[in-house]
Protein backbone atom coordinates (compact mmCIF):
# COMPACT_ATOMS: atom_id res chain seq x y z
CA MET A 1 -70.66 320.67 -89.89
CA ASN A 2 -73.30 318.18 -91.12
CA ASN A 3 -76.19 316.98 -88.73
CA ARG A 4 -74.60 313.60 -88.38
CA THR A 5 -71.32 315.05 -86.95
CA PHE A 6 -73.25 317.40 -84.70
CA HIS A 7 -75.45 314.78 -83.30
CA LYS A 8 -72.34 312.63 -82.66
CA GLN A 9 -70.49 315.43 -80.77
CA ASN A 10 -73.59 316.10 -78.67
CA GLU A 11 -74.10 312.61 -77.87
CA THR A 12 -70.42 312.34 -76.63
CA ARG A 13 -70.85 315.48 -74.59
CA ILE A 14 -74.09 313.96 -72.71
CA ARG A 15 -72.26 310.77 -72.10
CA LEU A 16 -69.30 312.65 -70.34
CA LEU A 17 -71.72 314.82 -68.37
CA ILE A 18 -73.69 311.60 -67.19
CA LEU A 19 -70.39 309.93 -66.40
CA ALA A 20 -69.17 312.99 -64.38
CA LYS A 21 -72.29 312.99 -62.22
CA LEU A 22 -72.12 309.17 -61.58
CA LEU A 23 -68.44 309.12 -60.76
CA PRO A 24 -68.88 310.12 -57.00
CA TRP A 25 -71.54 307.34 -56.52
CA LEU A 26 -69.30 304.80 -58.38
CA PHE A 27 -66.54 305.70 -56.00
CA ILE A 28 -68.68 305.35 -53.03
CA GLY A 29 -70.03 302.00 -54.14
CA LEU A 30 -66.51 300.82 -54.63
CA ILE A 31 -65.44 301.63 -51.12
CA LEU A 32 -68.57 300.00 -49.83
CA MET A 33 -67.78 296.72 -51.84
CA ILE A 34 -64.17 296.66 -50.61
CA GLY A 35 -65.51 297.08 -47.07
CA LEU A 36 -68.09 294.32 -47.51
CA ILE A 37 -65.56 291.83 -49.08
CA ARG A 38 -63.16 292.54 -46.10
CA ASP A 39 -65.95 291.93 -43.58
CA CYS A 40 -66.83 288.67 -45.27
CA SER A 41 -63.14 287.40 -45.38
CA GLY A 42 -62.73 288.24 -41.71
CA PRO A 43 -60.31 290.43 -39.85
CA ASP A 44 -56.71 290.74 -40.93
CA VAL A 45 -55.24 291.66 -37.60
CA ASP A 46 -55.64 289.93 -34.29
CA PRO A 47 -57.65 292.47 -32.03
CA ILE A 48 -54.80 292.74 -29.58
CA ASP A 49 -52.46 293.86 -32.28
CA ASP A 50 -55.02 296.43 -33.81
CA SER A 51 -53.46 299.68 -32.44
CA TYR A 52 -50.79 302.27 -33.76
CA MET A 53 -49.45 302.25 -30.08
CA LYS A 54 -46.60 299.88 -30.45
CA SER A 55 -43.04 299.85 -29.17
CA ILE A 56 -40.46 297.32 -28.24
CA GLY A 57 -41.37 295.95 -24.90
CA VAL A 58 -39.26 294.20 -22.10
CA VAL A 59 -40.51 290.89 -21.61
CA ASP A 60 -38.50 290.11 -18.35
CA HIS A 61 -35.45 290.47 -16.35
CA VAL A 62 -34.37 286.88 -15.59
CA TYR A 63 -31.99 286.45 -12.62
CA ILE A 64 -29.75 283.37 -13.22
CA VAL A 65 -27.59 283.04 -9.99
CA ASP A 66 -26.08 280.34 -7.95
CA THR A 67 -26.59 279.42 -4.31
CA THR A 68 -24.37 282.59 -3.35
CA ARG A 69 -26.77 284.83 -5.28
CA ASN A 70 -24.05 285.59 -7.80
CA GLY A 71 -24.57 285.24 -11.64
CA PHE A 72 -26.24 287.13 -14.24
CA ARG A 73 -29.34 289.24 -15.03
CA ALA A 74 -30.70 288.65 -18.40
CA VAL A 75 -32.78 291.13 -20.19
CA TYR A 76 -35.35 289.78 -22.84
CA LYS A 77 -37.30 291.99 -25.20
CA THR A 78 -39.70 291.62 -28.01
CA VAL A 79 -38.01 291.34 -31.44
CA LYS A 80 -40.64 293.84 -33.01
CA PRO A 81 -42.88 296.59 -31.59
CA VAL A 82 -45.89 295.24 -29.94
CA THR A 83 -48.94 296.54 -28.39
CA ASP A 84 -49.37 296.48 -24.53
CA ALA A 85 -51.83 293.71 -24.78
CA ARG A 86 -49.55 291.67 -26.99
CA LEU A 87 -46.65 292.08 -24.58
CA GLN A 88 -48.73 290.94 -21.61
CA GLU A 89 -49.79 287.77 -23.96
CA ILE A 90 -46.17 287.02 -24.48
CA ARG A 91 -45.08 287.25 -20.97
CA LYS A 92 -47.59 284.54 -20.22
CA ARG A 93 -46.63 282.17 -22.60
CA GLU A 94 -45.77 278.77 -21.20
CA LYS A 95 -42.82 278.07 -23.44
CA ILE A 96 -41.12 281.37 -22.57
CA ARG A 97 -41.77 280.83 -18.86
CA ALA A 98 -40.41 277.18 -19.05
CA ALA A 99 -37.32 278.31 -20.97
CA PHE A 100 -36.56 280.81 -18.34
CA ALA A 101 -36.96 278.38 -15.51
CA ARG A 102 -34.79 275.83 -17.15
CA LEU A 103 -31.94 278.40 -17.77
CA GLN A 104 -32.08 279.36 -14.19
CA HIS A 105 -32.00 275.71 -13.04
CA ASP A 106 -29.26 274.57 -15.72
CA ALA A 107 -26.70 277.40 -15.84
CA PRO A 108 -25.28 276.99 -12.36
CA ILE A 109 -24.96 273.20 -12.87
CA HIS A 110 -23.33 273.62 -16.35
CA PHE A 111 -20.74 275.96 -14.61
CA GLY A 112 -19.86 273.71 -11.82
CA GLY A 113 -22.06 275.09 -9.34
CA SER A 114 -20.52 278.50 -9.03
CA LEU A 115 -21.17 281.64 -11.24
CA LEU A 116 -18.80 283.93 -9.31
CA TYR A 117 -15.78 283.68 -12.00
CA THR A 118 -18.01 282.48 -15.22
CA ASP A 119 -17.03 284.71 -17.99
CA ILE A 120 -20.23 286.71 -19.22
CA TYR A 121 -19.37 285.71 -22.91
CA ASP A 122 -19.50 281.94 -22.01
CA PHE A 123 -22.72 282.50 -20.14
CA ALA A 124 -24.10 284.34 -23.28
CA VAL A 125 -23.25 281.49 -25.53
CA PHE A 126 -25.01 279.00 -23.02
CA ALA A 127 -28.05 281.25 -22.52
CA LYS A 128 -28.71 281.62 -26.36
CA GLN A 129 -29.43 277.87 -26.60
CA TYR A 130 -32.83 278.28 -24.89
CA ASP A 131 -35.51 278.74 -27.29
CA VAL A 132 -37.86 281.37 -26.14
CA GLY A 133 -39.74 281.63 -29.58
CA PRO A 134 -39.57 283.82 -32.59
CA ASP A 135 -41.13 286.91 -30.87
CA VAL A 136 -38.59 287.24 -28.13
CA GLU A 137 -34.88 287.73 -27.92
CA LEU A 138 -32.00 287.95 -25.42
CA HIS A 139 -31.21 291.64 -25.49
CA ASN A 140 -28.64 292.52 -22.55
CA ILE A 141 -26.76 290.55 -19.92
CA PHE A 142 -25.50 292.23 -16.67
CA VAL A 143 -23.30 290.79 -14.11
CA MET A 144 -25.52 290.04 -11.15
CA GLY A 145 -24.52 289.57 -7.28
CA TYR A 146 -22.74 291.36 -4.47
CA GLU A 147 -19.40 289.52 -4.89
CA LYS A 148 -19.59 289.26 -8.64
CA MET A 149 -20.23 292.93 -9.09
CA ASN A 150 -17.49 293.77 -6.74
CA LEU A 151 -14.98 292.04 -9.00
CA TYR A 152 -15.13 295.40 -11.20
CA ILE A 153 -14.37 297.75 -8.38
CA GLY A 154 -10.61 298.29 -7.62
CA PRO A 155 -7.52 300.31 -8.23
CA ASN A 156 -7.15 301.17 -11.75
CA PRO A 157 -3.84 302.31 -12.96
CA GLY A 158 -5.40 304.32 -15.81
CA ILE A 159 -7.81 306.32 -13.61
CA GLU A 160 -6.70 308.75 -11.10
CA ASN A 161 -8.94 308.36 -7.96
CA SER A 162 -10.80 305.30 -9.21
CA ALA A 163 -14.02 304.22 -7.69
CA ARG A 164 -13.72 302.54 -4.40
CA TRP A 165 -17.28 301.04 -4.18
CA MET A 166 -20.40 300.10 -6.65
CA ASN A 167 -23.52 301.40 -5.98
CA MET A 168 -25.98 298.50 -6.39
CA GLY A 169 -28.91 300.96 -7.42
CA THR A 170 -27.06 302.81 -10.48
CA GLU A 171 -24.75 299.78 -11.22
CA GLN A 172 -22.18 302.16 -12.68
CA GLY A 173 -19.05 300.20 -13.66
CA ASN A 174 -20.94 297.13 -13.66
CA GLN A 175 -19.92 294.65 -16.53
CA TYR A 176 -22.71 293.96 -19.29
CA LEU A 177 -23.03 293.11 -23.05
CA SER A 178 -25.23 295.10 -25.23
CA SER A 179 -27.53 293.72 -28.03
CA ARG A 180 -24.73 293.69 -30.40
CA GLU A 181 -22.35 291.44 -28.25
CA VAL A 182 -25.13 289.38 -27.36
CA PHE A 183 -25.98 288.69 -31.07
CA ARG A 184 -22.53 288.30 -32.14
CA CYS A 185 -21.05 286.28 -29.15
CA SER A 186 -21.08 282.93 -31.04
CA THR A 187 -18.77 284.13 -33.85
CA ASP A 188 -15.20 284.54 -34.06
CA THR A 189 -15.30 288.48 -33.72
CA PRO A 190 -13.24 289.94 -30.89
CA SER A 191 -14.82 290.05 -27.45
CA ILE A 192 -15.91 293.52 -26.29
CA TYR A 193 -16.73 293.99 -22.66
CA ARG A 194 -18.83 296.90 -21.67
CA TYR A 195 -18.95 298.81 -18.34
CA TRP A 196 -22.22 300.50 -17.36
CA LYS A 197 -22.63 304.27 -17.41
CA CYS A 198 -18.65 304.61 -17.75
CA ARG A 199 -17.22 307.20 -20.05
CA ALA A 200 -14.73 306.47 -22.94
CA PRO A 201 -12.20 305.08 -23.47
CA HIS A 202 -13.04 303.03 -20.12
CA ASP A 203 -16.36 302.14 -20.95
CA ILE A 204 -15.15 299.02 -22.99
CA SER A 205 -12.27 296.63 -22.90
CA LEU A 206 -11.03 293.66 -25.04
CA THR A 207 -10.47 291.47 -21.89
CA ASP A 208 -12.41 290.90 -18.78
CA GLU A 209 -10.70 293.73 -16.48
CA ARG A 210 -11.47 293.37 -13.00
CA PHE A 211 -11.05 296.67 -11.56
CA SER A 212 -13.11 300.19 -11.56
CA HIS A 213 -13.81 301.78 -14.98
CA PHE A 214 -14.83 305.25 -13.36
CA SER A 215 -13.41 307.65 -11.01
CA GLU A 216 -14.89 308.84 -7.87
CA GLU A 217 -15.50 312.32 -9.55
CA GLU A 218 -17.46 310.61 -12.26
CA ARG A 219 -19.75 308.62 -9.85
CA LEU A 220 -23.46 308.89 -10.42
CA TYR A 221 -25.72 309.13 -7.37
């Protein structure tokens, strides 16, 4: 090995050693530079959204009833998981509150003044016309009111000792639509009516069955 080759290899070794010692500092400098750029460009996330604690939130239970207090309870939820602070902000939005108020006012008029015998699917199609913005969606619909809920209590030929009364606290046997039915109710897919806290096969029907869908032995207290 001649002197020239030796000096070249030695020089390369020295450069590698220097680079190895500088790498941690270069890495720290890069992190600081990225942080500085982010600070200068402003925050990417609104402070009320800046949290890992997020979940789908219930915006409101909206009661749409006629003068006899019969009708429906519409449950609205956030489309995406949100922080509690964002949920509170969404609940106060004027557009959403106004849409709820219009629905409560317009529905009884649209259905002839009475909601007692209004089909839950007909109501769902009507309710979905009310724009509550991109962050909120109609999630569930429940039958509401003493007389209307009691349409779903009565002798069922397919259930021995079928329920004779409805507990308004548990709402067992009450008719409702899940989010799937609410989403698809404007299409030509078959209508599926659901009955709250009832066991298969009586928990669903393809027509609006106005009798009990659980037995007294299956009753929840």
